[in-house]
């Protein structure tokens, strides 16, 4: 599955920010994969913290293989910390994954659990768990729940993309929040393009 957006959201952003709009027209549609299953999505996000994308994917795949190709709460709980560490997961992340698994199991969380909750409610709930900060919760909102208005101040790539797009030397929070308000309620779609800009300008 990929993050879904269409002409309405794109047209809105092009009208709000002509510089971004010019890039969107040149770049075309951006496809970003999503993980619709909440526990698997958060497991992937915890694993991805502070390591690059390829390394994170390799670690996730090893954990998945250890779980007999299906990462679930029961599978993670059944593993020893050392087994998770053998996949390249730090001890702290391993414990956070098991805490997450127990939380999901105890509350019997399914795919519909988060549907009626606001972005703010979900962030507040998830950041109460070990190893989940605001950035991880925001990435979950975007890449699992497909929430449309996520522009994460904690994301280096988004801030870099904004600075490159608008020729800014730095990005303070006040300026950042002004852009988020400008792009609202479709800031997530802007995020997809800002990541593309940042990735194209890696040195």
C-alpha atoms as a PDB file:
ATOM      1  CA  UNK A   1       0.000   0.000   0.000  1.00  0.00           C
ATOM      2  CA  UNK A   2       1.076   3.593  -0.610  1.00  0.00           C
ATOM      3  CA  UNK A   3       0.088   6.876   1.021  1.00  0.00           C
ATOM      4  CA  UNK A   4      -3.038   8.070  -0.762  1.00  0.00           C
ATOM      5  CA  UNK A   5      -3.579  11.619  -1.968  1.00  0.00           C
ATOM      6  CA  UNK A   6      -4.962  13.157  -5.126  1.00  0.00           C
ATOM      7  CA  UNK A   7      -5.508  16.238  -7.240  1.00  0.00           C
ATOM      8  CA  UNK A   8      -7.468  18.098  -4.558  1.00  0.00           C
ATOM      9  CA  UNK A   9      -4.645  18.030  -2.019  1.00  0.00           C
ATOM     10  CA  UNK A  10      -1.987  18.776  -4.643  1.00  0.00           C
ATOM     11  CA  UNK A  11      -3.928  21.742  -6.033  1.00  0.00           C
ATOM     12  CA  UNK A  12      -4.420  23.155  -2.542  1.00  0.00           C
ATOM     13  CA  UNK A  13      -0.684  23.039  -1.778  1.00  0.00           C
ATOM     14  CA  UNK A  14       0.286  24.514  -5.150  1.00  0.00           C
ATOM     15  CA  UNK A  15      -2.027  27.447  -4.448  1.00  0.00           C
ATOM     16  CA  UNK A  16      -0.715  27.953  -0.917  1.00  0.00           C
ATOM     17  CA  UNK A  17       3.002  27.760  -1.786  1.00  0.00           C
ATOM     18  CA  UNK A  18       3.920  28.520  -5.387  1.00  0.00           C
ATOM     19  CA  UNK A  19       7.558  27.512  -4.892  1.00  0.00           C
ATOM     20  CA  UNK A  20       6.522  24.118  -3.548  1.00  0.00           C
ATOM     21  CA  UNK A  21       3.902  23.947  -6.296  1.00  0.00           C
ATOM     22  CA  UNK A  22       6.528  24.377  -9.008  1.00  0.00           C
ATOM     23  CA  UNK A  23       8.536  21.512  -7.525  1.00  0.00           C
ATOM     24  CA  UNK A  24       5.433  19.318  -7.234  1.00  0.00           C
ATOM     25  CA  UNK A  25       4.622  19.902 -10.893  1.00  0.00           C
ATOM     26  CA  UNK A  26       8.157  18.936 -11.909  1.00  0.00           C
ATOM     27  CA  UNK A  27       8.400  15.932  -9.547  1.00  0.00           C
ATOM     28  CA  UNK A  28       4.965  14.448 -10.149  1.00  0.00           C
ATOM     29  CA  UNK A  29       3.208  11.988  -7.870  1.00  0.00           C
ATOM     30  CA  UNK A  30       5.257  10.698  -4.919  1.00  0.00           C
ATOM     31  CA  UNK A  31       4.771   7.093  -3.864  1.00  0.00           C
ATOM     32  CA  UNK A  32       5.606   6.264  -0.255  1.00  0.00           C
ATOM     33  CA  UNK A  33       4.825   2.874   1.214  1.00  0.00           C
ATOM     34  CA  UNK A  34       2.717   2.611   4.341  1.00  0.00           C
ATOM     35  CA  UNK A  35       2.343  -0.141   6.938  1.00  0.00           C
ATOM     36  CA  UNK A  36      -1.345  -0.338   7.768  1.00  0.00           C
ATOM     37  CA  UNK A  37      -1.020  -2.824  10.663  1.00  0.00           C
ATOM     38  CA  UNK A  38      -0.406  -0.670  13.781  1.00  0.00           C
ATOM     39  CA  UNK A  39       1.848  -2.996  15.779  1.00  0.00           C
ATOM     40  CA  UNK A  40       4.062  -3.785  12.802  1.00  0.00           C
ATOM     41  CA  UNK A  41       4.211  -0.100  11.902  1.00  0.00           C
ATOM     42  CA  UNK A  42       5.345   0.938  15.392  1.00  0.00           C
ATOM     43  CA  UNK A  43       7.814  -1.934  15.535  1.00  0.00           C
ATOM     44  CA  UNK A  44       9.312  -0.669  12.287  1.00  0.00           C
ATOM     45  CA  UNK A  45       9.405   2.900  13.605  1.00  0.00           C
ATOM     46  CA  UNK A  46      11.176   1.921  16.840  1.00  0.00           C
ATOM     47  CA  UNK A  47      13.736  -0.128  14.920  1.00  0.00           C
ATOM     48  CA  UNK A  48      14.328   2.802  12.535  1.00  0.00           C
ATOM     49  CA  UNK A  49      15.172   5.288  15.283  1.00  0.00           C
ATOM     50  CA  UNK A  50      18.632   6.837  14.760  1.00  0.00           C
ATOM     51  CA  UNK A  51      19.751   4.464  11.972  1.00  0.00           C
ATOM     52  CA  UNK A  52      19.561   4.864   8.200  1.00  0.00           C
ATOM     53  CA  UNK A  53      16.801   3.401   6.078  1.00  0.00           C
ATOM     54  CA  UNK A  54      18.690   0.452   4.589  1.00  0.00           C
ATOM     55  CA  UNK A  55      20.066  -0.635   7.952  1.00  0.00           C
ATOM     56  CA  UNK A  56      16.629  -0.327   9.551  1.00  0.00           C
ATOM     57  CA  UNK A  57      15.045  -2.440   6.824  1.00  0.00           C
ATOM     58  CA  UNK A  58      17.714  -5.130   7.254  1.00  0.00           C
ATOM     59  CA  UNK A  59      17.160  -5.268  11.026  1.00  0.00           C
ATOM     60  CA  UNK A  60      13.373  -5.358  10.604  1.00  0.00           C
ATOM     61  CA  UNK A  61      13.675  -8.240   8.133  1.00  0.00           C
ATOM     62  CA  UNK A  62      15.839 -10.213  10.562  1.00  0.00           C
ATOM     63  CA  UNK A  63      13.310  -9.678  13.360  1.00  0.00           C
ATOM     64  CA  UNK A  64      10.545 -10.720  10.990  1.00  0.00           C
ATOM     65  CA  UNK A  65      12.421 -13.922  10.121  1.00  0.00           C
ATOM     66  CA  UNK A  66      12.920 -14.629  13.829  1.00  0.00           C
ATOM     67  CA  UNK A  67       9.137 -14.249  14.249  1.00  0.00           C
ATOM     68  CA  UNK A  68       8.562 -16.811  11.486  1.00  0.00           C
ATOM     69  CA  UNK A  69       7.722 -14.043   9.007  1.00  0.00           C
ATOM     70  CA  UNK A  70       4.871 -12.535  11.041  1.00  0.00           C
ATOM     71  CA  UNK A  71       5.686  -9.822  13.548  1.00  0.00           C
ATOM     72  CA  UNK A  72       2.976  -9.862  16.206  1.00  0.00           C
ATOM     73  CA  UNK A  73       2.615  -8.980  19.862  1.00  0.00           C
ATOM     74  CA  UNK A  74       2.704 -12.645  20.863  1.00  0.00           C
ATOM     75  CA  UNK A  75       5.800 -13.331  18.772  1.00  0.00           C
ATOM     76  CA  UNK A  76       7.760 -10.387  20.216  1.00  0.00           C
ATOM     77  CA  UNK A  77       6.757 -11.180  23.806  1.00  0.00           C
ATOM     78  CA  UNK A  78       7.925 -14.783  23.361  1.00  0.00           C
ATOM     79  CA  UNK A  79      11.437 -13.748  22.343  1.00  0.00           C
ATOM     80  CA  UNK A  80      14.356 -13.272  24.687  1.00  0.00           C
ATOM     81  CA  UNK A  81      16.116  -9.910  24.726  1.00  0.00           C
ATOM     82  CA  UNK A  82      19.278 -11.572  23.441  1.00  0.00           C
ATOM     83  CA  UNK A  83      17.379 -13.029  20.484  1.00  0.00           C
ATOM     84  CA  UNK A  84      16.259  -9.553  19.469  1.00  0.00           C
ATOM     85  CA  UNK A  85      19.777  -8.222  19.973  1.00  0.00           C
ATOM     86  CA  UNK A  86      21.095 -10.912  17.645  1.00  0.00           C
ATOM     87  CA  UNK A  87      19.067  -9.222  14.889  1.00  0.00           C
ATOM     88  CA  UNK A  88      20.894  -5.931  15.410  1.00  0.00           C
ATOM     89  CA  UNK A  89      18.392  -4.405  17.846  1.00  0.00           C
ATOM     90  CA  UNK A  90      19.954  -2.559  20.790  1.00  0.00           C
ATOM     91  CA  UNK A  91      19.051  -3.758  24.280  1.00  0.00           C
ATOM     92  CA  UNK A  92      17.063  -0.569  24.916  1.00  0.00           C
ATOM     93  CA  UNK A  93      15.078  -0.975  21.691  1.00  0.00           C
ATOM     94  CA  UNK A  94      14.508  -4.657  22.435  1.00  0.00           C
ATOM     95  CA  UNK A  95      12.963  -3.799  25.791  1.00  0.00           C
ATOM     96  CA  UNK A  96      10.897  -1.032  24.195  1.00  0.00           C
ATOM     97  CA  UNK A  97       9.576  -3.476  21.596  1.00  0.00           C
ATOM     98  CA  UNK A  98       8.534  -5.913  24.302  1.00  0.00           C
ATOM     99  CA  UNK A  99       6.872  -3.118  26.300  1.00  0.00           C
ATOM    100  CA  UNK A 100       4.978  -2.127  23.144  1.00  0.00           C
ATOM    101  CA  UNK A 101       3.937  -5.730  22.534  1.00  0.00           C
ATOM    102  CA  UNK A 102       2.617  -6.113  26.079  1.00  0.00           C
ATOM    103  CA  UNK A 103       0.702  -2.826  25.793  1.00  0.00           C
ATOM    104  CA  UNK A 104      -0.960  -3.887  22.536  1.00  0.00           C
ATOM    105  CA  UNK A 105      -1.756  -7.319  23.958  1.00  0.00           C
ATOM    106  CA  UNK A 106      -3.197  -6.038  27.245  1.00  0.00           C
ATOM    107  CA  UNK A 107      -5.424  -3.472  25.506  1.00  0.00           C
ATOM    108  CA  UNK A 108      -6.280  -5.855  22.659  1.00  0.00           C
ATOM    109  CA  UNK A 109      -5.441  -3.165  20.097  1.00  0.00           C
ATOM    110  CA  UNK A 110      -6.569  -3.874  16.547  1.00  0.00           C
ATOM    111  CA  UNK A 111      -6.446  -1.873  13.328  1.00  0.00           C
ATOM    112  CA  UNK A 112      -9.588   0.080  14.225  1.00  0.00           C
ATOM    113  CA  UNK A 113      -8.390   1.143  17.684  1.00  0.00           C
ATOM    114  CA  UNK A 114      -6.968   4.502  16.578  1.00  0.00           C
ATOM    115  CA  UNK A 115      -9.564   5.464  13.981  1.00  0.00           C
ATOM    116  CA  UNK A 116     -11.743   7.641  16.202  1.00  0.00           C
ATOM    117  CA  UNK A 117      -8.849   9.315  18.017  1.00  0.00           C
ATOM    118  CA  UNK A 118      -7.429  12.695  17.047  1.00  0.00           C
ATOM    119  CA  UNK A 119      -3.789  13.166  16.079  1.00  0.00           C
ATOM    120  CA  UNK A 120      -3.147  14.850  19.425  1.00  0.00           C
ATOM    121  CA  UNK A 121      -4.797  12.037  21.395  1.00  0.00           C
ATOM    122  CA  UNK A 122      -2.732   9.401  19.609  1.00  0.00           C
ATOM    123  CA  UNK A 123       0.521  11.305  20.138  1.00  0.00           C
ATOM    124  CA  UNK A 124      -0.276  11.705  23.844  1.00  0.00           C
ATOM    125  CA  UNK A 125      -1.057   7.996  24.230  1.00  0.00           C
ATOM    126  CA  UNK A 126       1.926   6.679  22.301  1.00  0.00           C
ATOM    127  CA  UNK A 127       4.482   9.010  23.868  1.00  0.00           C
ATOM    128  CA  UNK A 128       3.478   7.570  27.229  1.00  0.00           C
ATOM    129  CA  UNK A 129       5.133   4.304  26.148  1.00  0.00           C
ATOM    130  CA  UNK A 130       8.827   3.487  26.479  1.00  0.00           C
ATOM    131  CA  UNK A 131      10.898   4.457  23.458  1.00  0.00           C
ATOM    132  CA  UNK A 132       8.214   6.383  21.588  1.00  0.00           C
ATOM    133  CA  UNK A 133       8.711  10.103  21.241  1.00  0.00           C
ATOM    134  CA  UNK A 134       6.760  12.689  19.301  1.00  0.00           C
ATOM    135  CA  UNK A 135       8.645  12.023  16.036  1.00  0.00           C
ATOM    136  CA  UNK A 136       7.921   8.267  16.163  1.00  0.00           C
ATOM    137  CA  UNK A 137       4.261   8.933  16.938  1.00  0.00           C
ATOM    138  CA  UNK A 138       4.030  11.417  14.055  1.00  0.00           C
ATOM    139  CA  UNK A 139       5.612   8.961  11.609  1.00  0.00           C
ATOM    140  CA  UNK A 140       3.056   6.378  12.755  1.00  0.00           C
ATOM    141  CA  UNK A 141       0.243   8.846  12.086  1.00  0.00           C
ATOM    142  CA  UNK A 142       1.571   9.486   8.597  1.00  0.00           C
ATOM    143  CA  UNK A 143       2.852   6.101   7.460  1.00  0.00           C
ATOM    144  CA  UNK A 144       0.308   3.827   9.122  1.00  0.00           C
ATOM    145  CA  UNK A 145      -2.880   5.805   9.710  1.00  0.00           C
ATOM    146  CA  UNK A 146      -2.410   8.071   6.646  1.00  0.00           C
ATOM    147  CA  UNK A 147      -3.286  11.202   8.601  1.00  0.00           C
ATOM    148  CA  UNK A 148      -3.158  14.149   6.220  1.00  0.00           C
ATOM    149  CA  UNK A 149      -1.789  16.955   8.391  1.00  0.00           C
ATOM    150  CA  UNK A 150       1.613  15.836   9.694  1.00  0.00           C
ATOM    151  CA  UNK A 151       4.671  18.078   9.368  1.00  0.00           C
ATOM    152  CA  UNK A 152       7.178  16.963  11.997  1.00  0.00           C
ATOM    153  CA  UNK A 153       9.434  19.580  13.553  1.00  0.00           C
ATOM    154  CA  UNK A 154      11.583  16.720  14.855  1.00  0.00           C
ATOM    155  CA  UNK A 155      12.365  15.476  11.349  1.00  0.00           C
ATOM    156  CA  UNK A 156      15.699  16.639   9.937  1.00  0.00           C
ATOM    157  CA  UNK A 157      14.759  15.841   6.336  1.00  0.00           C
ATOM    158  CA  UNK A 158      11.605  17.955   6.398  1.00  0.00           C
ATOM    159  CA  UNK A 159      13.440  20.945   7.860  1.00  0.00           C
ATOM    160  CA  UNK A 160      16.252  20.505   5.337  1.00  0.00           C
ATOM    161  CA  UNK A 161      13.728  20.316   2.499  1.00  0.00           C
ATOM    162  CA  UNK A 162      12.050  23.539   3.626  1.00  0.00           C
ATOM    163  CA  UNK A 163      15.387  25.345   3.900  1.00  0.00           C
ATOM    164  CA  UNK A 164      16.447  24.206   0.437  1.00  0.00           C
ATOM    165  CA  UNK A 165      13.086  24.982  -1.138  1.00  0.00           C
ATOM    166  CA  UNK A 166      12.886  28.513   0.261  1.00  0.00           C
ATOM    167  CA  UNK A 167      16.620  29.281   0.414  1.00  0.00           C
ATOM    168  CA  UNK A 168      16.675  29.588   4.197  1.00  0.00           C
ATOM    169  CA  UNK A 169      19.875  29.294   6.197  1.00  0.00           C
ATOM    170  CA  UNK A 170      18.171  27.788   9.222  1.00  0.00           C
ATOM    171  CA  UNK A 171      14.760  26.750  10.443  1.00  0.00           C
ATOM    172  CA  UNK A 172      13.502  27.965  13.815  1.00  0.00           C
ATOM    173  CA  UNK A 173      10.314  26.588  15.307  1.00  0.00           C
ATOM    174  CA  UNK A 174       8.265  29.739  14.727  1.00  0.00           C
ATOM    175  CA  UNK A 175       9.055  29.706  10.994  1.00  0.00           C
ATOM    176  CA  UNK A 176       8.421  25.984  10.827  1.00  0.00           C
ATOM    177  CA  UNK A 177       5.016  26.269  12.465  1.00  0.00           C
ATOM    178  CA  UNK A 178       4.101  29.039  10.029  1.00  0.00           C
ATOM    179  CA  UNK A 179       4.761  26.612   7.170  1.00  0.00           C
ATOM    180  CA  UNK A 180       2.721  23.914   8.912  1.00  0.00           C
ATOM    181  CA  UNK A 181      -0.198  26.329   9.212  1.00  0.00           C
ATOM    182  CA  UNK A 182       0.243  27.307   5.570  1.00  0.00           C
ATOM    183  CA  UNK A 183       0.086  23.668   4.425  1.00  0.00           C
ATOM    184  CA  UNK A 184      -2.717  22.636   6.782  1.00  0.00           C
ATOM    185  CA  UNK A 185      -4.841  20.521   6.447  1.00  0.00           C
ATOM    186  CA  UNK A 186      -2.626  18.689   3.938  1.00  0.00           C
ATOM    187  CA  UNK A 187       0.804  19.060   5.538  1.00  0.00           C
ATOM    188  CA  UNK A 188       1.508  15.323   5.177  1.00  0.00           C
ATOM    189  CA  UNK A 189       1.520  15.648   1.398  1.00  0.00           C
ATOM    190  CA  UNK A 190       3.924  18.578   1.693  1.00  0.00           C
ATOM    191  CA  UNK A 191       6.120  16.345   3.873  1.00  0.00           C
ATOM    192  CA  UNK A 192       6.379  13.761   1.088  1.00  0.00           C
ATOM    193  CA  UNK A 193       7.753  16.386  -1.301  1.00  0.00           C
ATOM    194  CA  UNK A 194      10.060  17.982   1.259  1.00  0.00           C
ATOM    195  CA  UNK A 195      11.671  14.595   1.872  1.00  0.00           C
ATOM    196  CA  UNK A 196      12.173  14.233  -1.869  1.00  0.00           C
ATOM    197  CA  UNK A 197      13.879  17.645  -2.014  1.00  0.00           C
ATOM    198  CA  UNK A 198      16.145  16.735   0.895  1.00  0.00           C
ATOM    199  CA  UNK A 199      17.040  13.350  -0.632  1.00  0.00           C
ATOM    200  CA  UNK A 200      17.876  14.899  -3.996  1.00  0.00           C
ATOM    201  CA  UNK A 201      20.326  17.232  -2.314  1.00  0.00           C
ATOM    202  CA  UNK A 202      22.217  14.784  -0.134  1.00  0.00           C
ATOM    203  CA  UNK A 203      25.950  15.404   0.003  1.00  0.00           C
END
